[in-house]
C-alpha cells in the first residue's frame, strides 16, 4: 500500500500538531465530569484538568464519550 503525497502531508501535519498526552483513557474518564462542568458553566478550566482537553483532542473514543456526557447534561439543564 502506498500513500499519495497529499496523505503523507496530512499525516505529517497531524503529527506536528499533536501534543504530549499525559493521561490515559482511565485518567481522562476520572476527570472528564469536572472538565464538562467547567465548559458548560463557561468557567476557566482548572490547570489540573487541562490534560483532559489534550486527551480529548487526540482520542476519538474518549471524545465520543465526552460528547455524549455533554448532551446528557444539556438535556438535564433543559428539564430544570
Protein backbone atom coordinates (compact mmCIF):
# COMPACT_ATOMS: atom_id res chain seq x y z
CA UNK A 1 0.00 0.00 0.00
CA UNK A 2 1.45 3.33 -0.98
CA UNK A 3 0.31 6.71 0.20
CA UNK A 4 -0.30 9.70 -2.01
CA UNK A 5 1.73 12.84 -1.37
CA UNK A 6 -1.43 14.53 -0.06
CA UNK A 7 -1.97 11.75 2.50
CA UNK A 8 1.64 11.90 3.64
CA UNK A 9 1.42 15.66 4.03
CA UNK A 10 -1.78 15.33 6.05
CA UNK A 11 -0.21 12.73 8.35
CA UNK A 12 2.87 14.86 8.91
CA UNK A 13 0.68 17.86 9.75
CA UNK A 14 -1.24 15.82 12.31
CA UNK A 15 1.99 14.60 13.89
CA UNK A 16 3.38 18.14 14.09
CA UNK A 17 0.18 19.41 15.72
CA UNK A 18 -0.02 16.67 18.33
CA UNK A 19 0.80 17.36 21.96
CA UNK A 20 2.13 15.00 24.60
CA UNK A 21 -0.78 13.20 26.18
CA UNK A 22 -0.13 12.78 29.89
CA UNK A 23 -3.44 10.99 30.51
CA UNK A 24 -4.59 7.57 29.51
CA UNK A 25 -8.29 6.89 28.92
CA UNK A 26 -8.91 5.88 32.56
CA UNK A 27 -7.31 9.10 33.81
CA UNK A 28 -9.38 11.11 31.37
CA UNK A 29 -12.58 9.38 32.48
CA UNK A 30 -11.80 10.18 36.12
CA UNK A 31 -11.63 13.93 35.38
CA UNK A 32 -13.98 14.41 32.42
CA UNK A 33 -17.02 15.35 34.55
CA UNK A 34 -15.13 18.27 36.12
CA UNK A 35 -13.99 19.36 32.66
CA UNK A 36 -17.56 19.16 31.28
CA UNK A 37 -18.96 21.15 34.20
CA UNK A 38 -16.42 23.92 33.71
CA UNK A 39 -17.19 24.05 30.00
CA UNK A 40 -20.98 24.10 30.48
CA UNK A 41 -20.75 26.90 33.04
CA UNK A 42 -18.21 28.81 30.92
CA UNK A 43 -15.72 28.70 33.77
CA UNK A 44 -11.98 28.78 33.39
CA UNK A 45 -10.74 25.24 33.02
CA UNK A 46 -8.55 24.45 36.03
CA UNK A 47 -4.96 23.68 35.22
CA UNK A 48 -5.36 20.24 36.80
CA UNK A 49 -7.86 19.17 34.13
CA UNK A 50 -6.16 20.75 31.11
CA UNK A 51 -4.73 17.30 30.38
CA UNK A 52 -8.32 16.14 29.75
CA UNK A 53 -8.64 18.71 26.98
CA UNK A 54 -5.42 17.48 25.38
CA UNK A 55 -6.51 13.85 25.66
CA UNK A 56 -9.93 14.58 24.14
CA UNK A 57 -8.27 16.23 21.13
CA UNK A 58 -6.28 13.07 20.47
CA UNK A 59 -8.60 10.22 21.49
CA UNK A 60 -11.76 9.72 19.41
CA UNK A 61 -13.21 7.16 21.86
CA UNK A 62 -12.98 9.49 24.86
CA UNK A 63 -14.17 12.42 22.73
CA UNK A 64 -17.30 10.44 21.80
CA UNK A 65 -17.94 9.64 25.48
CA UNK A 66 -17.41 13.29 26.40
CA UNK A 67 -19.83 14.49 23.72
CA UNK A 68 -22.45 12.04 24.99
CA UNK A 69 -21.91 13.33 28.53
CA UNK A 70 -22.35 16.93 27.38
CA UNK A 71 -25.57 16.04 25.54
CA UNK A 72 -26.94 14.40 28.66
CA UNK A 73 -26.01 17.33 30.88
CA UNK A 74 -27.55 19.82 28.47
CA UNK A 75 -30.75 17.77 28.37
CA UNK A 76 -30.87 17.80 32.18
CA UNK A 77 -30.45 21.58 32.19
CA UNK A 78 -33.38 21.95 29.79
CA UNK A 79 -35.60 19.84 32.05
CA UNK A 80 -34.91 22.04 35.09
